[in-house]
Amino acid sequence: MRGQPERDPEAMARRVRDYLAGTAEPPPLVGATALPLPLYSRGKVREMYDLGDRLLMVTSDRVSAYDVVMEELIPGKGAVLTALSAFWFRQTAGLVENHLLTDDVATALPELARAHPEIVGRSLVVRKARRIDIECVVRGYLAGSGWAEYQRNGTLAGEPLPPGLREAERLPEARFTPATKAETGHDENITLAELEWRVGSELSALLVATSLALYQHAEAHARARGLILADTKFEFGLLDGRLVLIDELLTPDSSRYWPADGYAPGRPQPSFDKQYLRDYLDSTGWNHEPPPPPLPPEVVAQTAAKYREAYQRLTS
């Protein structure tokens, strides 16, 4: 039954695997964790705990939209984000070093897992890196805030685009469109010139090249599985002076996925990401400021289904 806690870490791990495979109910909901470890940081969706030179990254079932956390939890969301990030970190390890050490927290931290089996299947043990406070966004298609900017100015991240492009149209080439990473409030798009001013020309060039390479790899992988990766964002840190990929990776929280069949530019596309949730919230007339409107059970269920389907299609 949903909400019935598993008695041991192994049972929780099996339940999470079966849920991801589509043969079991989601694991018990987790809204927030309070582990007997120093809290390193708390985000909209995750808690990070300090393990010295490592971090324990625990992903809850919270969901945010327009940088506001909803009151309702999304069943299975933490398990999907964790498993999909681990999948992509392994997939892209040949392109850039990343911070993942293991997603097997029951083996890495056995005593903690026995005392808190709810963290199994939703946690990564990662190396601690110094975060670069830039959202490295790559867009292959004209959607979201990129489409809004193009409608206003004919530009994307301050750079001109050809006239006459339609909503959701594939760009002539993928574009790197950075943003500042805000601790509170909304991230703000910046130009490449401002990025270079903030981090220096050498690191700026490395962020651009690495982000574009990651996007091209992931876009080809997704397309082979019937999905379009319209855009995504990456986060990086520095570890002993080396660039390291951190945080989550190519999940429905950080990426815009569309089904390839039925794709047609000139209109919004159905999606396997948070856009479904955003569309519902916009239909209520919400002004994108707290408090958010309540989510009906059918919206919660459909959001959960879209997350799990994205995982299954990408990792099949």
C-alpha atoms as a PDB file:
ATOM      1  CA  MET A   1       0.000   0.000   0.000  1.00  0.00           C
ATOM      2  CA  ARG A   2       1.175   3.519  -0.722  1.00  0.00           C
ATOM      3  CA  GLY A   3       2.490   5.176   2.385  1.00  0.00           C
ATOM      4  CA  GLN A   4       3.314   1.870   4.119  1.00  0.00           C
ATOM      5  CA  PRO A   5       6.989   2.184   5.112  1.00  0.00           C
ATOM      6  CA  GLU A   6       9.310  -0.594   4.082  1.00  0.00           C
ATOM      7  CA  ARG A   7      10.962  -2.433   6.962  1.00  0.00           C
ATOM      8  CA  ASP A   8      14.532  -2.453   5.664  1.00  0.00           C
ATOM      9  CA  PRO A   9      16.738  -0.815   3.043  1.00  0.00           C
ATOM     10  CA  GLU A  10      16.748  -3.863   0.759  1.00  0.00           C
ATOM     11  CA  ALA A  11      12.942  -3.940   0.674  1.00  0.00           C
ATOM     12  CA  MET A  12      12.858  -0.208  -0.098  1.00  0.00           C
ATOM     13  CA  ALA A  13      15.391  -0.643  -2.896  1.00  0.00           C
ATOM     14  CA  ARG A  14      13.284  -3.409  -4.452  1.00  0.00           C
ATOM     15  CA  ARG A  15      10.145  -1.296  -4.222  1.00  0.00           C
ATOM     16  CA  VAL A  16      11.828   1.643  -5.914  1.00  0.00           C
ATOM     17  CA  ARG A  17      13.178  -0.581  -8.707  1.00  0.00           C
ATOM     18  CA  ASP A  18       9.756  -2.140  -9.221  1.00  0.00           C
ATOM     19  CA  TYR A  19       8.084   1.256  -9.274  1.00  0.00           C
ATOM     20  CA  LEU A  20      10.496   2.552 -11.895  1.00  0.00           C
ATOM     21  CA  ALA A  21       9.841  -0.579 -13.941  1.00  0.00           C
ATOM     22  CA  GLY A  22       6.099   0.039 -13.714  1.00  0.00           C
ATOM     23  CA  THR A  23       5.243  -3.024 -11.642  1.00  0.00           C
ATOM     24  CA  ALA A  24       4.664  -1.494  -8.187  1.00  0.00           C
ATOM     25  CA  GLU A  25       3.086   1.430  -6.419  1.00  0.00           C
ATOM     26  CA  PRO A  26       5.429   4.356  -5.690  1.00  0.00           C
ATOM     27  CA  PRO A  27       7.513   4.318  -2.524  1.00  0.00           C
ATOM     28  CA  PRO A  28       6.224   6.218   0.525  1.00  0.00           C
ATOM     29  CA  LEU A  29       6.008   9.969   0.030  1.00  0.00           C
ATOM     30  CA  VAL A  30       8.849  12.061   1.427  1.00  0.00           C
ATOM     31  CA  GLY A  31       8.271  15.770   1.841  1.00  0.00           C
ATOM     32  CA  ALA A  32      11.407  16.733   3.751  1.00  0.00           C
ATOM     33  CA  THR A  33      14.150  14.877   5.564  1.00  0.00           C
ATOM     34  CA  ALA A  34      15.787  15.578   8.913  1.00  0.00           C
ATOM     35  CA  LEU A  35      18.758  13.249   9.130  1.00  0.00           C
ATOM     36  CA  PRO A  36      21.265  13.159  12.025  1.00  0.00           C
ATOM     37  CA  LEU A  37      23.905  14.792   9.837  1.00  0.00           C
ATOM     38  CA  PRO A  38      25.039  18.411   9.369  1.00  0.00           C
ATOM     39  CA  LEU A  39      22.713  20.080   6.873  1.00  0.00           C
ATOM     40  CA  TYR A  40      24.814  21.525   4.042  1.00  0.00           C
ATOM     41  CA  SER A  41      21.972  23.176   2.138  1.00  0.00           C
ATOM     42  CA  ARG A  42      18.250  22.879   1.515  1.00  0.00           C
ATOM     43  CA  GLY A  43      16.797  23.601  -1.918  1.00  0.00           C
ATOM     44  CA  LYS A  44      13.328  23.619  -3.381  1.00  0.00           C
ATOM     45  CA  VAL A  45      13.458  19.853  -3.918  1.00  0.00           C
ATOM     46  CA  ARG A  46      16.585  18.502  -2.167  1.00  0.00           C
ATOM     47  CA  GLU A  47      18.401  18.402   1.125  1.00  0.00           C
ATOM     48  CA  MET A  48      22.198  18.170   1.050  1.00  0.00           C
ATOM     49  CA  TYR A  49      24.009  16.716   4.062  1.00  0.00           C
ATOM     50  CA  ASP A  50      27.691  17.199   4.826  1.00  0.00           C
ATOM     51  CA  LEU A  51      29.851  14.062   4.903  1.00  0.00           C
ATOM     52  CA  GLY A  52      33.195  15.833   5.022  1.00  0.00           C
ATOM     53  CA  ASP A  53      34.684  15.673   1.528  1.00  0.00           C
ATOM     54  CA  ARG A  54      31.417  14.195   0.279  1.00  0.00           C
ATOM     55  CA  LEU A  55      27.752  15.186   0.272  1.00  0.00           C
ATOM     56  CA  LEU A  56      24.586  13.153   0.637  1.00  0.00           C
ATOM     57  CA  MET A  57      22.015  14.529  -1.809  1.00  0.00           C
ATOM     58  CA  VAL A  58      18.468  13.450  -0.893  1.00  0.00           C
ATOM     59  CA  THR A  59      15.676  14.185  -3.364  1.00  0.00           C
ATOM     60  CA  SER A  60      12.192  14.640  -1.938  1.00  0.00           C
ATOM     61  CA  ASP A  61       8.844  14.350  -3.691  1.00  0.00           C
ATOM     62  CA  ARG A  62       8.369  18.112  -3.573  1.00  0.00           C
ATOM     63  CA  VAL A  63       7.702  19.899  -6.844  1.00  0.00           C
ATOM     64  CA  SER A  64       8.203  23.545  -7.735  1.00  0.00           C
ATOM     65  CA  ALA A  65       6.929  25.673 -10.561  1.00  0.00           C
ATOM     66  CA  TYR A  66       7.961  29.245 -11.298  1.00  0.00           C
ATOM     67  CA  ASP A  67      10.367  28.871  -8.329  1.00  0.00           C
ATOM     68  CA  VAL A  68       7.491  28.259  -5.905  1.00  0.00           C
ATOM     69  CA  VAL A  69       7.174  24.920  -4.089  1.00  0.00           C
ATOM     70  CA  MET A  70       3.736  23.340  -4.274  1.00  0.00           C
ATOM     71  CA  GLU A  71       1.968  22.095  -1.150  1.00  0.00           C
ATOM     72  CA  GLU A  72       1.262  18.694  -2.695  1.00  0.00           C
ATOM     73  CA  LEU A  73       3.874  15.963  -3.155  1.00  0.00           C
ATOM     74  CA  ILE A  74       4.310  14.017  -6.402  1.00  0.00           C
ATOM     75  CA  PRO A  75       4.435  10.225  -5.800  1.00  0.00           C
ATOM     76  CA  GLY A  76       7.661   8.621  -7.011  1.00  0.00           C
ATOM     77  CA  LYS A  77       9.211  11.900  -8.133  1.00  0.00           C
ATOM     78  CA  GLY A  78      12.283  11.678  -5.901  1.00  0.00           C
ATOM     79  CA  ALA A  79      13.003   8.141  -7.073  1.00  0.00           C
ATOM     80  CA  VAL A  80      12.680   9.132 -10.741  1.00  0.00           C
ATOM     81  CA  LEU A  81      14.939  12.185 -10.455  1.00  0.00           C
ATOM     82  CA  THR A  82      17.578  10.227  -8.561  1.00  0.00           C
ATOM     83  CA  ALA A  83      17.608   7.245 -10.915  1.00  0.00           C
ATOM     84  CA  LEU A  84      17.572   9.410 -14.038  1.00  0.00           C
ATOM     85  CA  SER A  85      20.389  11.647 -12.813  1.00  0.00           C
ATOM     86  CA  ALA A  86      22.509   8.579 -11.980  1.00  0.00           C
ATOM     87  CA  PHE A  87      21.773   7.156 -15.429  1.00  0.00           C
ATOM     88  CA  TRP A  88      22.848  10.352 -17.189  1.00  0.00           C
ATOM     89  CA  PHE A  89      25.944  10.864 -15.022  1.00  0.00           C
ATOM     90  CA  ARG A  90      27.145   7.427 -16.113  1.00  0.00           C
ATOM     91  CA  GLN A  91      26.125   8.043 -19.726  1.00  0.00           C
ATOM     92  CA  THR A  92      28.104  11.278 -19.969  1.00  0.00           C
ATOM     93  CA  ALA A  93      31.155  10.411 -17.845  1.00  0.00           C
ATOM     94  CA  GLY A  94      33.294  10.247 -20.986  1.00  0.00           C
ATOM     95  CA  LEU A  95      32.386  13.834 -21.880  1.00  0.00           C
ATOM     96  CA  VAL A  96      33.051  15.554 -18.564  1.00  0.00           C
ATOM     97  CA  GLU A  97      33.938  14.525 -15.038  1.00  0.00           C
ATOM     98  CA  ASN A  98      30.993  14.525 -12.623  1.00  0.00           C
ATOM     99  CA  HIS A  99      30.474  14.423  -8.875  1.00  0.00           C
ATOM    100  CA  LEU A 100      28.640  11.080  -8.579  1.00  0.00           C
ATOM    101  CA  LEU A 101      30.239   8.485  -6.324  1.00  0.00           C
ATOM    102  CA  THR A 102      27.296   6.106  -5.879  1.00  0.00           C
ATOM    103  CA  ASP A 103      23.522   5.878  -5.886  1.00  0.00           C
ATOM    104  CA  ASP A 104      23.677   2.784  -3.634  1.00  0.00           C
ATOM    105  CA  VAL A 105      23.273   4.549  -0.317  1.00  0.00           C
ATOM    106  CA  ALA A 106      22.446   1.288   1.483  1.00  0.00           C
ATOM    107  CA  THR A 107      25.985   0.072   0.789  1.00  0.00           C
ATOM    108  CA  ALA A 108      27.749   3.419   1.130  1.00  0.00           C
ATOM    109  CA  LEU A 109      26.009   4.432   4.389  1.00  0.00           C
ATOM    110  CA  PRO A 110      24.540   1.196   5.795  1.00  0.00           C
ATOM    111  CA  GLU A 111      23.800   2.376   9.348  1.00  0.00           C
ATOM    112  CA  LEU A 112      22.079   5.534   8.139  1.00  0.00           C
ATOM    113  CA  ALA A 113      20.076   3.551   5.573  1.00  0.00           C
ATOM    114  CA  ARG A 114      18.906   1.074   8.215  1.00  0.00           C
ATOM    115  CA  ALA A 115      17.796   3.898  10.502  1.00  0.00           C
ATOM    116  CA  HIS A 116      16.237   5.925   7.665  1.00  0.00           C
ATOM    117  CA  PRO A 117      15.225   3.523   4.868  1.00  0.00           C
ATOM    118  CA  GLU A 118      13.169   6.317   3.273  1.00  0.00           C
ATOM    119  CA  ILE A 119      16.400   7.751   1.805  1.00  0.00           C
ATOM    120  CA  VAL A 120      17.098   4.568  -0.192  1.00  0.00           C
ATOM    121  CA  GLY A 121      16.363   5.028  -3.887  1.00  0.00           C
ATOM    122  CA  ARG A 122      16.256   8.814  -3.606  1.00  0.00           C
ATOM    123  CA  SER A 123      19.838   9.633  -2.600  1.00  0.00           C
ATOM    124  CA  LEU A 124      23.204  10.141  -4.245  1.00  0.00           C
ATOM    125  CA  VAL A 125      26.571  10.262  -2.521  1.00  0.00           C
ATOM    126  CA  VAL A 126      28.636  12.834  -4.390  1.00  0.00           C
ATOM    127  CA  ARG A 127      31.969  14.588  -4.175  1.00  0.00           C
ATOM    128  CA  LYS A 128      31.905  18.071  -2.719  1.00  0.00           C
ATOM    129  CA  ALA A 129      32.757  20.718  -5.311  1.00  0.00           C
ATOM    130  CA  ARG A 130      32.677  24.515  -5.255  1.00  0.00           C
ATOM    131  CA  ARG A 131      29.601  25.438  -7.218  1.00  0.00           C
ATOM    132  CA  ILE A 132      29.782  27.913 -10.090  1.00  0.00           C
ATOM    133  CA  ASP A 133      26.725  30.135  -9.638  1.00  0.00           C
ATOM    134  CA  ILE A 134      25.615  29.998 -13.262  1.00  0.00           C
ATOM    135  CA  GLU A 135      22.754  28.045 -14.821  1.00  0.00           C
ATOM    136  CA  CYS A 136      24.226  26.678 -18.059  1.00  0.00           C
ATOM    137  CA  VAL A 137      21.140  26.515 -20.254  1.00  0.00           C
ATOM    138  CA  VAL A 138      21.260  25.003 -23.746  1.00  0.00           C
ATOM    139  CA  ARG A 139      18.322  25.434 -26.120  1.00  0.00           C
ATOM    140  CA  GLY A 140      17.835  23.420 -29.270  1.00  0.00           C
ATOM    141  CA  TYR A 141      14.275  24.622 -29.823  1.00  0.00           C
ATOM    142  CA  LEU A 142      12.492  27.929 -29.323  1.00  0.00           C
ATOM    143  CA  ALA A 143      10.280  27.531 -26.265  1.00  0.00           C
ATOM    144  CA  GLY A 144       9.607  28.921 -22.808  1.00  0.00           C
ATOM    145  CA  SER A 145      11.434  32.107 -21.858  1.00  0.00           C
ATOM    146  CA  GLY A 146      13.523  31.799 -25.042  1.00  0.00           C
ATOM    147  CA  TRP A 147      10.383  32.062 -27.166  1.00  0.00           C
ATOM    148  CA  ALA A 148       9.174  35.002 -25.066  1.00  0.00           C
ATOM    149  CA  GLU A 149      12.462  36.871 -25.596  1.00  0.00           C
ATOM    150  CA  TYR A 150      12.413  36.150 -29.321  1.00  0.00           C
ATOM    151  CA  GLN A 151       8.873  37.506 -29.611  1.00  0.00           C
ATOM    152  CA  ARG A 152       9.915  40.698 -27.851  1.00  0.00           C
ATOM    153  CA  ASN A 153      13.302  41.367 -29.403  1.00  0.00           C
ATOM    154  CA  GLY A 154      14.099  38.801 -32.090  1.00  0.00           C
ATOM    155  CA  THR A 155      16.988  37.609 -29.912  1.00  0.00           C
ATOM    156  CA  LEU A 156      17.983  34.700 -27.705  1.00  0.00           C
ATOM    157  CA  ALA A 157      20.224  35.502 -24.717  1.00  0.00           C
ATOM    158  CA  GLY A 158      20.753  38.879 -26.350  1.00  0.00           C
ATOM    159  CA  GLU A 159      22.025  37.379 -29.615  1.00  0.00           C
ATOM    160  CA  PRO A 160      19.993  37.816 -32.831  1.00  0.00           C
ATOM    161  CA  LEU A 161      18.060  34.940 -34.384  1.00  0.00           C
ATOM    162  CA  PRO A 162      16.722  34.707 -37.955  1.00  0.00           C
ATOM    163  CA  PRO A 163      13.316  36.355 -38.416  1.00  0.00           C
ATOM    164  CA  GLY A 164      10.130  34.369 -38.864  1.00  0.00           C
ATOM    165  CA  LEU A 165      10.820  31.498 -36.455  1.00  0.00           C
ATOM    166  CA  ARG A 166       7.791  29.844 -34.895  1.00  0.00           C
ATOM    167  CA  GLU A 167       7.150  28.660 -31.352  1.00  0.00           C
ATOM    168  CA  ALA A 168       8.820  25.287 -30.674  1.00  0.00           C
ATOM    169  CA  GLU A 169      10.799  25.506 -33.920  1.00  0.00           C
ATOM    170  CA  ARG A 170      14.197  23.826 -34.034  1.00  0.00           C
ATOM    171  CA  LEU A 171      16.968  26.404 -33.955  1.00  0.00           C
ATOM    172  CA  PRO A 172      19.536  26.487 -36.761  1.00  0.00           C
ATOM    173  CA  GLU A 173      21.998  25.326 -34.105  1.00  0.00           C
ATOM    174  CA  ALA A 174      21.810  24.746 -30.379  1.00  0.00           C
ATOM    175  CA  ARG A 175      22.374  27.915 -28.364  1.00  0.00           C
ATOM    176  CA  PHE A 176      24.022  28.361 -24.965  1.00  0.00           C
ATOM    177  CA  THR A 177      21.898  30.833 -22.969  1.00  0.00           C
ATOM    178  CA  PRO A 178      23.249  31.307 -19.429  1.00  0.00           C
ATOM    179  CA  ALA A 179      21.391  32.554 -16.383  1.00  0.00           C
ATOM    180  CA  THR A 180      22.368  33.599 -12.898  1.00  0.00           C
ATOM    181  CA  LYS A 181      21.581  31.059 -10.188  1.00  0.00           C
ATOM    182  CA  ALA A 182      19.533  32.800  -7.514  1.00  0.00           C
ATOM    183  CA  GLU A 183      19.314  31.485  -3.935  1.00  0.00           C
ATOM    184  CA  THR A 184      15.839  32.987  -3.695  1.00  0.00           C
ATOM    185  CA  GLY A 185      13.490  34.371  -6.306  1.00  0.00           C
ATOM    186  CA  HIS A 186      13.862  33.860 -10.025  1.00  0.00           C
ATOM    187  CA  ASP A 187      17.004  33.130 -12.040  1.00  0.00           C
ATOM    188  CA  GLU A 188      17.821  35.893 -14.530  1.00  0.00           C
ATOM    189  CA  ASN A 189      19.011  35.330 -18.089  1.00  0.00           C
ATOM    190  CA  ILE A 190      22.325  36.962 -18.938  1.00  0.00           C
ATOM    191  CA  THR A 191      24.335  37.449 -22.120  1.00  0.00           C
ATOM    192  CA  LEU A 192      27.504  35.591 -23.039  1.00  0.00           C
ATOM    193  CA  ALA A 193      29.424  38.827 -22.519  1.00  0.00           C
ATOM    194  CA  GLU A 194      28.127  39.076 -18.961  1.00  0.00           C
ATOM    195  CA  LEU A 195      28.997  35.426 -18.338  1.00  0.00           C
ATOM    196  CA  GLU A 196      32.568  36.121 -19.429  1.00  0.00           C
ATOM    197  CA  TRP A 197      32.683  39.156 -17.164  1.00  0.00           C
ATOM    198  CA  ARG A 198      31.466  37.072 -14.206  1.00  0.00           C
ATOM    199  CA  VAL A 199      33.676  33.966 -14.527  1.00  0.00           C
ATOM    200  CA  GLY A 200      36.462  34.946 -16.922  1.00  0.00           C
ATOM    201  CA  SER A 201      37.027  34.153 -20.577  1.00  0.00           C
ATOM    202  CA  GLU A 202      38.715  30.762 -20.086  1.00  0.00           C
ATOM    203  CA  LEU A 203      36.090  29.276 -17.770  1.00  0.00           C
ATOM    204  CA  SER A 204      33.304  30.837 -19.834  1.00  0.00           C
ATOM    205  CA  ALA A 205      34.543  29.129 -22.999  1.00  0.00           C
ATOM    206  CA  LEU A 206      34.828  25.813 -21.164  1.00  0.00           C
ATOM    207  CA  LEU A 207      31.281  26.070 -19.806  1.00  0.00           C
ATOM    208  CA  VAL A 208      29.915  26.815 -23.270  1.00  0.00           C
ATOM    209  CA  ALA A 209      31.784  24.003 -25.029  1.00  0.00           C
ATOM    210  CA  THR A 210      31.030  21.401 -22.354  1.00  0.00           C
ATOM    211  CA  SER A 211      27.348  22.309 -22.120  1.00  0.00           C
ATOM    212  CA  LEU A 212      26.876  22.120 -25.878  1.00  0.00           C
ATOM    213  CA  ALA A 213      28.638  18.744 -26.041  1.00  0.00           C
ATOM    214  CA  LEU A 214      26.423  17.380 -23.259  1.00  0.00           C
ATOM    215  CA  TYR A 215      23.281  18.656 -24.957  1.00  0.00           C
ATOM    216  CA  GLN A 216      24.207  17.171 -28.332  1.00  0.00           C
ATOM    217  CA  HIS A 217      24.917  13.782 -26.744  1.00  0.00           C
ATOM    218  CA  ALA A 218      21.678  13.774 -24.758  1.00  0.00           C
ATOM    219  CA  GLU A 219      19.585  15.105 -27.642  1.00  0.00           C
ATOM    220  CA  ALA A 220      20.725  12.257 -29.886  1.00  0.00           C
ATOM    221  CA  HIS A 221      20.064   9.684 -27.150  1.00  0.00           C
ATOM    222  CA  ALA A 222      16.579  11.065 -26.480  1.00  0.00           C
ATOM    223  CA  ARG A 223      15.697  11.264 -30.172  1.00  0.00           C
ATOM    224  CA  ALA A 224      16.620   7.589 -30.639  1.00  0.00           C
ATOM    225  CA  ARG A 225      14.024   6.835 -27.961  1.00  0.00           C
ATOM    226  CA  GLY A 226      11.247   8.929 -29.433  1.00  0.00           C
ATOM    227  CA  LEU A 227      11.772  12.073 -27.387  1.00  0.00           C
ATOM    228  CA  ILE A 228      12.923  15.573 -28.289  1.00  0.00           C
ATOM    229  CA  LEU A 229      15.175  17.306 -25.778  1.00  0.00           C
ATOM    230  CA  ALA A 230      14.081  20.875 -26.433  1.00  0.00           C
ATOM    231  CA  ASP A 231      16.268  22.499 -23.793  1.00  0.00           C
ATOM    232  CA  THR A 232      18.019  21.731 -20.538  1.00  0.00           C
ATOM    233  CA  LYS A 233      20.224  23.296 -17.902  1.00  0.00           C
ATOM    234  CA  PHE A 234      23.473  22.078 -16.382  1.00  0.00           C
ATOM    235  CA  GLU A 235      25.273  23.027 -13.205  1.00  0.00           C
ATOM    236  CA  PHE A 236      29.004  22.829 -12.714  1.00  0.00           C
ATOM    237  CA  GLY A 237      31.486  23.135  -9.901  1.00  0.00           C
ATOM    238  CA  LEU A 238      35.237  23.205  -9.451  1.00  0.00           C
ATOM    239  CA  LEU A 239      37.087  20.366  -7.733  1.00  0.00           C
ATOM    240  CA  ASP A 240      40.835  20.862  -7.310  1.00  0.00           C
ATOM    241  CA  GLY A 241      40.651  23.316 -10.197  1.00  0.00           C
ATOM    242  CA  ARG A 242      38.869  20.884 -12.527  1.00  0.00           C
ATOM    243  CA  LEU A 243      35.436  21.460 -14.032  1.00  0.00           C
ATOM    244  CA  VAL A 244      32.937  18.947 -12.620  1.00  0.00           C
ATOM    245  CA  LEU A 245      29.284  18.377 -13.549  1.00  0.00           C
ATOM    246  CA  ILE A 246      27.106  18.553 -10.410  1.00  0.00           C
ATOM    247  CA  ASP A 247      23.534  18.625  -9.074  1.00  0.00           C
ATOM    248  CA  GLU A 248      20.864  16.798 -11.093  1.00  0.00           C
ATOM    249  CA  LEU A 249      21.245  15.969 -14.764  1.00  0.00           C
ATOM    250  CA  LEU A 250      18.788  15.914 -17.682  1.00  0.00           C
ATOM    251  CA  THR A 251      15.742  15.206 -15.515  1.00  0.00           C
ATOM    252  CA  PRO A 252      12.187  16.410 -16.187  1.00  0.00           C
ATOM    253  CA  ASP A 253      12.823  19.082 -13.535  1.00  0.00           C
ATOM    254  CA  SER A 254      15.779  20.558 -15.420  1.00  0.00           C
ATOM    255  CA  SER A 255      14.855  19.728 -19.020  1.00  0.00           C
ATOM    256  CA  ARG A 256      12.045  20.113 -21.525  1.00  0.00           C
ATOM    257  CA  TYR A 257      11.177  16.794 -23.217  1.00  0.00           C
ATOM    258  CA  TRP A 258       8.599  16.461 -26.005  1.00  0.00           C
ATOM    259  CA  PRO A 259       7.316  13.347 -27.763  1.00  0.00           C
ATOM    260  CA  ALA A 260       8.858  13.196 -31.242  1.00  0.00           C
ATOM    261  CA  ASP A 261       5.761  11.717 -32.828  1.00  0.00           C
ATOM    262  CA  GLY A 262       3.279  14.487 -33.467  1.00  0.00           C
ATOM    263  CA  TYR A 263       5.872  17.242 -33.133  1.00  0.00           C
ATOM    264  CA  ALA A 264       4.810  20.308 -35.103  1.00  0.00           C
ATOM    265  CA  PRO A 265       6.257  23.812 -34.637  1.00  0.00           C
ATOM    266  CA  GLY A 266       3.985  26.809 -34.356  1.00  0.00           C
ATOM    267  CA  ARG A 267       2.293  25.793 -31.117  1.00  0.00           C
ATOM    268  CA  PRO A 268       3.089  24.542 -27.610  1.00  0.00           C
ATOM    269  CA  GLN A 269       4.072  20.865 -27.494  1.00  0.00           C
ATOM    270  CA  PRO A 270       2.862  18.157 -25.126  1.00  0.00           C
ATOM    271  CA  SER A 271       5.660  17.343 -22.747  1.00  0.00           C
ATOM    272  CA  PHE A 272       7.176  14.885 -20.290  1.00  0.00           C
ATOM    273  CA  ASP A 273       8.395  17.576 -17.933  1.00  0.00           C
ATOM    274  CA  LYS A 274       6.960  20.174 -15.572  1.00  0.00           C
ATOM    275  CA  GLN A 275       5.311  22.066 -18.411  1.00  0.00           C
ATOM    276  CA  TYR A 276       2.107  20.077 -17.850  1.00  0.00           C
ATOM    277  CA  LEU A 277       2.062  21.344 -14.260  1.00  0.00           C
ATOM    278  CA  ARG A 278       2.880  24.893 -15.336  1.00  0.00           C
ATOM    279  CA  ASP A 279       0.070  24.824 -17.897  1.00  0.00           C
ATOM    280  CA  TYR A 280      -2.417  23.754 -15.239  1.00  0.00           C
ATOM    281  CA  LEU A 281      -1.242  26.484 -12.869  1.00  0.00           C
ATOM    282  CA  ASP A 282      -1.501  29.107 -15.609  1.00  0.00           C
ATOM    283  CA  SER A 283      -5.058  27.992 -16.328  1.00  0.00           C
ATOM    284  CA  THR A 284      -6.004  28.993 -12.769  1.00  0.00           C
ATOM    285  CA  GLY A 285      -4.871  32.588 -13.258  1.00  0.00           C
ATOM    286  CA  TRP A 286      -2.175  32.240 -10.584  1.00  0.00           C
ATOM    287  CA  ASN A 287       0.285  35.157 -10.515  1.00  0.00           C
ATOM    288  CA  HIS A 288       3.363  32.930  -9.876  1.00  0.00           C
ATOM    289  CA  GLU A 289       3.781  34.265  -6.332  1.00  0.00           C
ATOM    290  CA  PRO A 290       3.258  32.324  -3.071  1.00  0.00           C
ATOM    291  CA  PRO A 291       0.979  30.786  -2.072  1.00  0.00           C
ATOM    292  CA  PRO A 292       0.343  28.511  -5.071  1.00  0.00           C
ATOM    293  CA  PRO A 293      -3.121  27.161  -5.830  1.00  0.00           C
ATOM    294  CA  PRO A 294      -3.909  23.618  -4.673  1.00  0.00           C
ATOM    295  CA  LEU A 295      -3.283  20.803  -7.161  1.00  0.00           C
ATOM    296  CA  PRO A 296      -6.224  18.482  -7.877  1.00  0.00           C
ATOM    297  CA  PRO A 297      -5.526  14.745  -7.430  1.00  0.00           C
ATOM    298  CA  GLU A 298      -5.704  14.164 -11.189  1.00  0.00           C
ATOM    299  CA  VAL A 299      -2.987  16.775 -11.819  1.00  0.00           C
ATOM    300  CA  VAL A 300      -0.768  15.168  -9.183  1.00  0.00           C
ATOM    301  CA  ALA A 301      -1.333  11.708 -10.688  1.00  0.00           C
ATOM    302  CA  GLN A 302      -0.726  12.847 -14.263  1.00  0.00           C
ATOM    303  CA  THR A 303       2.447  14.707 -13.272  1.00  0.00           C
ATOM    304  CA  ALA A 304       3.756  11.560 -11.555  1.00  0.00           C
ATOM    305  CA  ALA A 305       2.923   9.468 -14.621  1.00  0.00           C
ATOM    306  CA  LYS A 306       4.772  11.837 -16.941  1.00  0.00           C
ATOM    307  CA  TYR A 307       7.903  11.733 -14.775  1.00  0.00           C
ATOM    308  CA  ARG A 308       7.965   7.942 -14.693  1.00  0.00           C
ATOM    309  CA  GLU A 309       7.276   7.601 -18.422  1.00  0.00           C
ATOM    310  CA  ALA A 310      10.167   9.958 -19.190  1.00  0.00           C
ATOM    311  CA  TYR A 311      12.456   7.744 -17.102  1.00  0.00           C
ATOM    312  CA  GLN A 312      11.270   4.541 -18.748  1.00  0.00           C
ATOM    313  CA  ARG A 313      11.602   5.887 -22.282  1.00  0.00           C
ATOM    314  CA  LEU A 314      15.025   7.424 -21.732  1.00  0.00           C
ATOM    315  CA  THR A 315      16.551   4.419 -19.992  1.00  0.00           C
ATOM    316  CA  SER A 316      14.914   1.600 -21.957  1.00  0.00           C
END
